[in-house]
Amino acid sequence: MKKEYLDDLYESTLKEENSVLALSLPIALLYKYIFNKNAHLLQTNYDLTHSEIDVLAVLSSYKIMTPTDLYEATIFSSGGMTKILKKLEQKQFISRVPSNKDKRSKLVKLEPKGEEIFQLCLVNVLRIDNEIFSILDEKEKKSLEKILKKLVYSTLK
């Protein structure tokens, strides 16, 4: 979006009665910009989707999880999670291992190759994010982080 169009949008649409749009619109535009920039990087350089990286990120913290716990830690449907897990297993980033508690179920385990690719992607995604947020000083970053965290936590009910 060109600056002139954004300026026009703010001036014509974001009147007092619509003031909340002055908050949500920039968040939506930033999300779209960051998502697209990172999606291009992940797809072009690593043949990975955001969804696959999200799963690897969660597994990077927990190493091994039930599919249900993994599904609850992300924002995918159970059917979507099944597709993602199959792709990651084909790429040998994860494996399915028997559960000690229930022999009928299988846990999802992060493989060293999956951890390695996740860390590599993380470095590059952080580089992009740092470029975007470099316009803010440290105090502004902390304030924005606090505000966004408050908003996100308010949606988790």
N, C-alpha and C. Protein backbone atom coordinates (compact mmCIF):
# COMPACT_ATOMS: atom_id res chain seq x y z
N MET A 1 0.85 -1.18 0.00
CA MET A 1 0.00 0.00 0.00
C MET A 1 0.89 1.24 0.00
N LYS A 2 0.55 2.18 -0.82
CA LYS A 2 1.29 3.43 -0.90
C LYS A 2 0.91 4.32 0.29
N LYS A 3 1.87 5.13 0.72
CA LYS A 3 1.66 6.03 1.85
C LYS A 3 0.47 6.95 1.60
N GLU A 4 0.33 7.46 0.38
CA GLU A 4 -0.76 8.40 0.10
C GLU A 4 -2.13 7.74 0.29
N TYR A 5 -2.25 6.46 -0.06
CA TYR A 5 -3.52 5.75 0.14
C TYR A 5 -3.80 5.54 1.62
N LEU A 6 -2.75 5.21 2.35
CA LEU A 6 -2.91 5.03 3.79
C LEU A 6 -3.30 6.35 4.45
N ASP A 7 -2.65 7.43 4.04
CA ASP A 7 -3.00 8.75 4.57
C ASP A 7 -4.46 9.08 4.27
N ASP A 8 -4.90 8.81 3.05
CA ASP A 8 -6.29 9.07 2.67
C ASP A 8 -7.25 8.21 3.50
N LEU A 9 -6.87 6.98 3.72
CA LEU A 9 -7.71 6.07 4.51
C LEU A 9 -7.85 6.59 5.94
N TYR A 10 -6.74 6.98 6.52
CA TYR A 10 -6.80 7.54 7.88
C TYR A 10 -7.69 8.77 7.93
N GLU A 11 -7.57 9.63 6.94
CA GLU A 11 -8.31 10.88 6.94
C GLU A 11 -9.80 10.68 6.66
N SER A 12 -10.14 9.81 5.72
CA SER A 12 -11.54 9.67 5.31
C SER A 12 -12.32 8.66 6.14
N THR A 13 -11.70 7.59 6.55
CA THR A 13 -12.43 6.51 7.21
C THR A 13 -12.29 6.51 8.73
N LEU A 14 -11.13 6.87 9.18
CA LEU A 14 -10.86 6.73 10.60
C LEU A 14 -11.29 7.96 11.39
N LYS A 15 -12.57 8.19 11.38
CA LYS A 15 -13.15 9.30 12.12
C LYS A 15 -13.30 8.90 13.58
N GLU A 16 -13.73 9.83 14.39
CA GLU A 16 -13.87 9.60 15.84
C GLU A 16 -14.69 8.33 16.14
N GLU A 17 -15.82 8.16 15.45
CA GLU A 17 -16.68 7.00 15.73
C GLU A 17 -16.04 5.68 15.30
N ASN A 18 -15.03 5.76 14.44
CA ASN A 18 -14.32 4.56 13.98
C ASN A 18 -12.88 4.52 14.51
N SER A 19 -12.60 5.20 15.61
CA SER A 19 -11.24 5.37 16.08
C SER A 19 -10.51 4.06 16.36
N VAL A 20 -11.25 3.03 16.69
CA VAL A 20 -10.59 1.74 16.96
C VAL A 20 -9.91 1.20 15.69
N LEU A 21 -10.41 1.60 14.54
CA LEU A 21 -9.76 1.21 13.28
C LEU A 21 -8.34 1.76 13.17
N ALA A 22 -8.11 2.90 13.81
CA ALA A 22 -6.77 3.47 13.80
C ALA A 22 -5.80 2.59 14.58
N LEU A 23 -6.32 1.70 15.39
CA LEU A 23 -5.50 0.72 16.12
C LEU A 23 -5.42 -0.60 15.35
N SER A 24 -6.57 -1.09 14.91
CA SER A 24 -6.58 -2.41 14.28
C SER A 24 -6.02 -2.42 12.86
N LEU A 25 -6.22 -1.35 12.12
CA LEU A 25 -5.71 -1.30 10.75
C LEU A 25 -4.18 -1.43 10.70
N PRO A 26 -3.43 -0.63 11.48
CA PRO A 26 -1.98 -0.79 11.43
C PRO A 26 -1.51 -2.19 11.85
N ILE A 27 -2.19 -2.77 12.83
CA ILE A 27 -1.83 -4.13 13.26
C ILE A 27 -2.05 -5.10 12.10
N ALA A 28 -3.18 -4.97 11.43
CA ALA A 28 -3.48 -5.85 10.29
C ALA A 28 -2.47 -5.65 9.16
N LEU A 29 -2.14 -4.41 8.86
CA LEU A 29 -1.19 -4.13 7.78
C LEU A 29 0.21 -4.64 8.13
N LEU A 30 0.63 -4.44 9.37
CA LEU A 30 1.93 -4.96 9.81
C LEU A 30 1.97 -6.47 9.76
N TYR A 31 0.89 -7.09 10.25
CA TYR A 31 0.82 -8.55 10.22
C TYR A 31 0.97 -9.07 8.79
N LYS A 32 0.21 -8.47 7.89
CA LYS A 32 0.25 -8.91 6.49
C LYS A 32 1.64 -8.73 5.90
N TYR A 33 2.26 -7.59 6.17
CA TYR A 33 3.59 -7.32 5.64
C TYR A 33 4.62 -8.32 6.20
N ILE A 34 4.62 -8.49 7.52
CA ILE A 34 5.58 -9.41 8.16
C ILE A 34 5.31 -10.84 7.72
N PHE A 35 4.05 -11.24 7.70
CA PHE A 35 3.70 -12.61 7.30
C PHE A 35 4.18 -12.89 5.88
N ASN A 36 3.86 -11.99 4.96
CA ASN A 36 4.24 -12.20 3.56
C ASN A 36 5.76 -12.22 3.36
N LYS A 37 6.44 -11.32 4.02
CA LYS A 37 7.90 -11.25 3.90
C LYS A 37 8.54 -12.54 4.44
N ASN A 38 8.09 -12.99 5.60
CA ASN A 38 8.62 -14.21 6.18
C ASN A 38 8.19 -15.45 5.39
N ALA A 39 6.97 -15.46 4.91
CA ALA A 39 6.49 -16.61 4.11
C ALA A 39 7.34 -16.77 2.86
N HIS A 40 7.66 -15.66 2.22
CA HIS A 40 8.50 -15.71 1.02
C HIS A 40 9.88 -16.27 1.37
N LEU A 41 10.47 -15.79 2.44
CA LEU A 41 11.78 -16.27 2.88
C LEU A 41 11.74 -17.77 3.17
N LEU A 42 10.75 -18.20 3.93
CA LEU A 42 10.65 -19.62 4.31
C LEU A 42 10.43 -20.52 3.11
N GLN A 43 9.55 -20.10 2.22
CA GLN A 43 9.24 -20.93 1.05
C GLN A 43 10.42 -20.96 0.08
N THR A 44 10.98 -19.81 -0.20
CA THR A 44 12.06 -19.71 -1.18
C THR A 44 13.34 -20.39 -0.71
N ASN A 45 13.73 -20.14 0.53
CA ASN A 45 15.02 -20.62 1.02
C ASN A 45 14.98 -22.01 1.67
N TYR A 46 13.81 -22.38 2.22
CA TYR A 46 13.76 -23.62 3.00
C TYR A 46 12.63 -24.57 2.61
N ASP A 47 11.82 -24.20 1.65
CA ASP A 47 10.67 -25.00 1.23
C ASP A 47 9.78 -25.36 2.41
N LEU A 48 9.52 -24.36 3.25
CA LEU A 48 8.67 -24.54 4.42
C LEU A 48 7.56 -23.50 4.42
N THR A 49 6.45 -23.87 5.02
CA THR A 49 5.34 -22.94 5.20
C THR A 49 5.37 -22.38 6.62
N HIS A 50 4.61 -21.30 6.82
CA HIS A 50 4.47 -20.77 8.18
C HIS A 50 3.94 -21.84 9.13
N SER A 51 2.99 -22.61 8.68
CA SER A 51 2.39 -23.64 9.52
C SER A 51 3.42 -24.66 9.96
N GLU A 52 4.28 -25.05 9.04
CA GLU A 52 5.31 -26.03 9.38
C GLU A 52 6.31 -25.44 10.37
N ILE A 53 6.67 -24.19 10.19
CA ILE A 53 7.58 -23.54 11.13
C ILE A 53 6.93 -23.38 12.49
N ASP A 54 5.64 -23.07 12.53
CA ASP A 54 4.94 -22.96 13.81
C ASP A 54 5.02 -24.26 14.59
N VAL A 55 4.83 -25.38 13.91
CA VAL A 55 4.91 -26.68 14.58
C VAL A 55 6.33 -26.94 15.06
N LEU A 56 7.32 -26.66 14.21
CA LEU A 56 8.71 -26.86 14.61
C LEU A 56 9.08 -25.95 15.79
N ALA A 57 8.52 -24.74 15.83
CA ALA A 57 8.80 -23.81 16.93
C ALA A 57 8.28 -24.37 18.26
N VAL A 58 7.07 -24.88 18.25
CA VAL A 58 6.50 -25.45 19.47
C VAL A 58 7.31 -26.67 19.90
N LEU A 59 7.62 -27.52 18.94
CA LEU A 59 8.41 -28.72 19.26
C LEU A 59 9.82 -28.37 19.71
N SER A 60 10.34 -27.26 19.26
CA SER A 60 11.67 -26.84 19.68
C SER A 60 11.69 -26.57 21.19
N SER A 61 10.57 -26.12 21.72
CA SER A 61 10.46 -25.88 23.16
C SER A 61 10.18 -27.15 23.95
N TYR A 62 9.34 -28.04 23.40
CA TYR A 62 8.88 -29.21 24.15
C TYR A 62 9.52 -30.53 23.73
N LYS A 63 10.12 -30.57 22.56
CA LYS A 63 10.83 -31.73 21.99
C LYS A 63 9.93 -32.90 21.61
N ILE A 64 8.98 -33.25 22.47
CA ILE A 64 8.07 -34.37 22.17
C ILE A 64 6.71 -34.05 22.77
N MET A 65 5.66 -34.27 21.98
CA MET A 65 4.30 -33.92 22.41
C MET A 65 3.29 -34.86 21.79
N THR A 66 2.12 -34.91 22.40
CA THR A 66 1.03 -35.62 21.77
C THR A 66 0.51 -34.74 20.64
N PRO A 67 -0.09 -35.33 19.62
CA PRO A 67 -0.68 -34.51 18.56
C PRO A 67 -1.74 -33.54 19.11
N THR A 68 -2.48 -33.97 20.12
CA THR A 68 -3.51 -33.11 20.72
C THR A 68 -2.89 -31.89 21.38
N ASP A 69 -1.82 -32.11 22.16
CA ASP A 69 -1.14 -30.98 22.80
C ASP A 69 -0.55 -30.04 21.77
N LEU A 70 0.00 -30.61 20.73
CA LEU A 70 0.58 -29.80 19.65
C LEU A 70 -0.51 -28.99 18.95
N TYR A 71 -1.62 -29.62 18.71
CA TYR A 71 -2.77 -28.96 18.09
C TYR A 71 -3.25 -27.80 18.96
N GLU A 72 -3.29 -28.01 20.29
CA GLU A 72 -3.75 -26.97 21.21
C GLU A 72 -2.73 -25.84 21.37
N ALA A 73 -1.46 -26.11 21.08
CA ALA A 73 -0.41 -25.09 21.21
C ALA A 73 -0.29 -24.25 19.95
N THR A 74 -0.99 -24.64 18.90
CA THR A 74 -0.97 -23.90 17.64
C THR A 74 -2.40 -23.49 17.31
N ILE A 75 -2.61 -22.99 16.10
CA ILE A 75 -3.96 -22.52 15.74
C ILE A 75 -4.52 -23.28 14.54
N PHE A 76 -4.19 -24.57 14.45
CA PHE A 76 -4.65 -25.36 13.32
C PHE A 76 -5.79 -26.26 13.73
N SER A 77 -6.58 -26.66 12.75
CA SER A 77 -7.58 -27.69 13.00
C SER A 77 -6.86 -29.02 13.11
N SER A 78 -7.52 -30.02 13.66
CA SER A 78 -6.87 -31.32 13.79
C SER A 78 -6.56 -31.91 12.41
N GLY A 79 -7.44 -31.68 11.44
CA GLY A 79 -7.18 -32.16 10.08
C GLY A 79 -5.99 -31.45 9.46
N GLY A 80 -5.89 -30.14 9.69
CA GLY A 80 -4.76 -29.37 9.20
C GLY A 80 -3.46 -29.83 9.85
N MET A 81 -3.53 -30.14 11.14
CA MET A 81 -2.34 -30.61 11.85
C MET A 81 -1.86 -31.93 11.27
N THR A 82 -2.76 -32.82 10.93
CA THR A 82 -2.39 -34.11 10.35
C THR A 82 -1.60 -33.91 9.06
N LYS A 83 -2.06 -33.01 8.21
CA LYS A 83 -1.37 -32.73 6.94
C LYS A 83 0.03 -32.17 7.19
N ILE A 84 0.13 -31.24 8.12
CA ILE A 84 1.42 -30.62 8.43
C ILE A 84 2.39 -31.66 8.99
N LEU A 85 1.90 -32.50 9.88
CA LEU A 85 2.77 -33.53 10.47
C LEU A 85 3.27 -34.52 9.42
N LYS A 86 2.41 -34.87 8.48
CA LYS A 86 2.84 -35.77 7.41
C LYS A 86 3.96 -35.15 6.58
N LYS A 87 3.81 -33.87 6.24
CA LYS A 87 4.84 -33.18 5.46
C LYS A 87 6.16 -33.11 6.23
N LEU A 88 6.08 -32.76 7.50
CA LEU A 88 7.30 -32.65 8.31
C LEU A 88 7.96 -34.01 8.51
N GLU A 89 7.16 -35.03 8.60
CA GLU A 89 7.70 -36.39 8.74
C GLU A 89 8.39 -36.82 7.44
N GLN A 90 7.80 -36.50 6.30
CA GLN A 90 8.42 -36.80 5.01
C GLN A 90 9.76 -36.10 4.85
N LYS A 91 9.86 -34.90 5.40
CA LYS A 91 11.12 -34.14 5.33
C LYS A 91 12.11 -34.57 6.41
N GLN A 92 11.69 -35.50 7.26
CA GLN A 92 12.50 -36.05 8.35
C GLN A 92 12.83 -35.01 9.42
N PHE A 93 11.94 -34.04 9.60
CA PHE A 93 12.11 -33.04 10.64
C PHE A 93 11.48 -33.50 11.95
N ILE A 94 10.52 -34.40 11.85
CA ILE A 94 9.87 -34.98 13.02
C ILE A 94 9.77 -36.48 12.82
N SER A 95 9.47 -37.17 13.91
CA SER A 95 9.15 -38.59 13.80
C SER A 95 7.97 -38.87 14.72
N ARG A 96 7.33 -39.99 14.49
CA ARG A 96 6.21 -40.42 15.33
C ARG A 96 6.70 -41.59 16.15
N VAL A 97 6.64 -41.48 17.46
CA VAL A 97 7.14 -42.52 18.36
C VAL A 97 6.02 -43.01 19.26
N PRO A 98 6.06 -44.29 19.63
CA PRO A 98 5.00 -44.83 20.50
C PRO A 98 4.99 -44.13 21.86
N SER A 99 3.81 -43.96 22.39
CA SER A 99 3.63 -43.37 23.71
C SER A 99 3.83 -44.43 24.78
N ASN A 100 4.48 -44.07 25.86
CA ASN A 100 4.64 -45.00 26.99
C ASN A 100 3.33 -45.18 27.74
N LYS A 101 2.50 -44.16 27.73
CA LYS A 101 1.23 -44.19 28.45
C LYS A 101 0.14 -44.95 27.71
N ASP A 102 0.12 -44.82 26.40
CA ASP A 102 -0.93 -45.43 25.59
C ASP A 102 -0.30 -45.98 24.31
N LYS A 103 -0.16 -47.27 24.25
CA LYS A 103 0.51 -47.92 23.12
C LYS A 103 -0.22 -47.71 21.79
N ARG A 104 -1.49 -47.32 21.85
CA ARG A 104 -2.25 -47.09 20.61
C ARG A 104 -1.94 -45.74 19.99
N SER A 105 -1.39 -44.83 20.79
CA SER A 105 -1.15 -43.49 20.25
C SER A 105 0.35 -43.26 20.03
N LYS A 106 0.61 -42.29 19.16
CA LYS A 106 1.99 -41.95 18.84
C LYS A 106 2.24 -40.49 19.19
N LEU A 107 3.42 -40.23 19.70
CA LEU A 107 3.84 -38.88 20.03
C LEU A 107 4.59 -38.29 18.84
N VAL A 108 4.66 -36.98 18.82
CA VAL A 108 5.40 -36.28 17.77
C VAL A 108 6.72 -35.83 18.39
N LYS A 109 7.80 -36.23 17.77
CA LYS A 109 9.14 -35.93 18.30
C LYS A 109 9.92 -35.09 17.29
N LEU A 110 10.54 -34.03 17.79
CA LEU A 110 11.40 -33.20 16.95
C LEU A 110 12.72 -33.92 16.73
N GLU A 111 13.10 -34.05 15.49
CA GLU A 111 14.37 -34.69 15.14
C GLU A 111 15.47 -33.62 15.05
N PRO A 112 16.73 -34.00 15.21
CA PRO A 112 17.83 -33.03 15.11
C PRO A 112 17.79 -32.21 13.82
N LYS A 113 17.43 -32.84 12.72
CA LYS A 113 17.33 -32.14 11.44
C LYS A 113 16.24 -31.06 11.50
N GLY A 114 15.15 -31.34 12.21
CA GLY A 114 14.07 -30.36 12.38
C GLY A 114 14.50 -29.20 13.26
N GLU A 115 15.23 -29.51 14.33
CA GLU A 115 15.74 -28.46 15.21
C GLU A 115 16.72 -27.57 14.46
N GLU A 116 17.56 -28.18 13.67
CA GLU A 116 18.57 -27.43 12.90
C GLU A 116 17.91 -26.47 11.91
N ILE A 117 16.92 -26.96 11.17
CA ILE A 117 16.26 -26.10 10.17
C ILE A 117 15.46 -25.00 10.87
N PHE A 118 14.85 -25.34 12.01
CA PHE A 118 14.11 -24.32 12.75
C PHE A 118 15.04 -23.20 13.20
N GLN A 119 16.18 -23.54 13.76
CA GLN A 119 17.12 -22.53 14.25
C GLN A 119 17.64 -21.65 13.10
N LEU A 120 17.88 -22.27 11.98
CA LEU A 120 18.33 -21.53 10.79
C LEU A 120 17.25 -20.55 10.32
N CYS A 121 16.02 -21.03 10.26
CA CYS A 121 14.90 -20.17 9.86
C CYS A 121 14.71 -19.03 10.86
N LEU A 122 14.82 -19.36 12.14
CA LEU A 122 14.62 -18.36 13.19
C LEU A 122 15.61 -17.21 13.05
N VAL A 123 16.85 -17.51 12.78
CA VAL A 123 17.87 -16.47 12.61
C VAL A 123 17.47 -15.52 11.48
N ASN A 124 16.99 -16.08 10.38
CA ASN A 124 16.63 -15.26 9.23
C ASN A 124 15.32 -14.50 9.42
N VAL A 125 14.37 -15.10 10.09
CA VAL A 125 13.11 -14.42 10.40
C VAL A 125 13.38 -13.27 11.37
N LEU A 126 14.24 -13.51 12.36
CA LEU A 126 14.58 -12.45 13.30
C LEU A 126 15.29 -11.28 12.62
N ARG A 127 16.09 -11.58 11.63
CA ARG A 127 16.76 -10.52 10.87
C ARG A 127 15.72 -9.61 10.21
N ILE A 128 14.72 -10.22 9.59
CA ILE A 128 13.64 -9.45 8.96
C ILE A 128 12.87 -8.65 10.01
N ASP A 129 12.51 -9.31 11.10
CA ASP A 129 11.75 -8.63 12.15
C ASP A 129 12.54 -7.47 12.76
N ASN A 130 13.82 -7.69 12.98
CA ASN A 130 14.67 -6.62 13.53
C ASN A 130 14.72 -5.42 12.59
N GLU A 131 14.79 -5.68 11.29
CA GLU A 131 14.78 -4.58 10.31
C GLU A 131 13.49 -3.77 10.42
N ILE A 132 12.37 -4.47 10.52
CA ILE A 132 11.07 -3.81 10.58
C ILE A 132 10.93 -2.97 11.85
N PHE A 133 11.35 -3.52 12.99
CA PHE A 133 11.16 -2.84 14.27
C PHE A 133 12.32 -1.94 14.67
N SER A 134 13.33 -1.83 13.82
CA SER A 134 14.49 -1.00 14.15
C SER A 134 14.15 0.49 14.22
N ILE A 135 13.01 0.87 13.69
CA ILE A 135 12.57 2.27 13.75
C ILE A 135 12.19 2.67 15.19
N LEU A 136 11.92 1.68 16.03
CA LEU A 136 11.53 1.94 17.42
C LEU A 136 12.75 1.90 18.33
N ASP A 137 12.75 2.75 19.37
CA ASP A 137 13.81 2.64 20.37
C ASP A 137 13.41 1.55 21.38
N GLU A 138 14.30 1.24 22.29
CA GLU A 138 14.05 0.12 23.22
C GLU A 138 12.83 0.36 24.10
N LYS A 139 12.62 1.58 24.54
CA LYS A 139 11.46 1.90 25.38
C LYS A 139 10.16 1.67 24.59
N GLU A 140 10.14 2.10 23.34
CA GLU A 140 8.96 1.91 22.49
C GLU A 140 8.71 0.42 22.25
N LYS A 141 9.76 -0.33 22.01
CA LYS A 141 9.60 -1.77 21.80
C LYS A 141 9.00 -2.45 23.02
N LYS A 142 9.49 -2.09 24.20
CA LYS A 142 8.97 -2.67 25.45
C LYS A 142 7.51 -2.30 25.64
N SER A 143 7.16 -1.05 25.38
CA SER A 143 5.76 -0.61 25.53
C SER A 143 4.86 -1.35 24.55
N LEU A 144 5.30 -1.44 23.30
CA LEU A 144 4.51 -2.14 22.29
C LEU A 144 4.36 -3.61 22.66
N GLU A 145 5.43 -4.23 23.11
CA GLU A 145 5.37 -5.64 23.53
C GLU A 145 4.34 -5.82 24.65
N LYS A 146 4.37 -4.94 25.64
CA LYS A 146 3.44 -5.03 26.77
C LYS A 146 1.99 -4.86 26.30
N ILE A 147 1.76 -3.89 25.44
CA ILE A 147 0.41 -3.63 24.93
C ILE A 147 -0.10 -4.80 24.09
N LEU A 148 0.73 -5.28 23.17
CA LEU A 148 0.31 -6.40 22.31
C LEU A 148 0.06 -7.67 23.13
N LYS A 149 0.91 -7.92 24.11
CA LYS A 149 0.73 -9.09 24.97
C LYS A 149 -0.60 -9.00 25.72
N LYS A 150 -0.90 -7.81 26.22
CA LYS A 150 -2.16 -7.59 26.93
C LYS A 150 -3.35 -7.87 26.01
N LEU A 151 -3.29 -7.38 24.79
CA LEU A 151 -4.37 -7.62 23.82
C LEU A 151 -4.50 -9.10 23.49
N VAL A 152 -3.38 -9.75 23.23
CA VAL A 152 -3.43 -11.18 22.87
C VAL A 152 -3.98 -12.00 24.03
N TYR A 153 -3.49 -11.75 25.25
CA TYR A 153 -3.98 -12.52 26.39
C TYR A 153 -5.47 -12.30 26.64
N SER A 154 -5.98 -11.12 26.30
CA SER A 154 -7.41 -10.85 26.50
C SER A 154 -8.28 -11.70 25.56
N THR A 155 -7.69 -12.22 24.49
CA THR A 155 -8.46 -13.04 23.55
C THR A 155 -8.45 -14.53 23.93
N LEU A 156 -7.65 -14.90 24.91
CA LEU A 156 -7.52 -16.31 25.31
C LEU A 156 -8.48 -16.65 26.44
N LYS A 157 -9.72 -16.77 26.10
CA LYS A 157 -10.72 -17.06 27.14
C LYS A 157 -11.37 -18.38 26.93
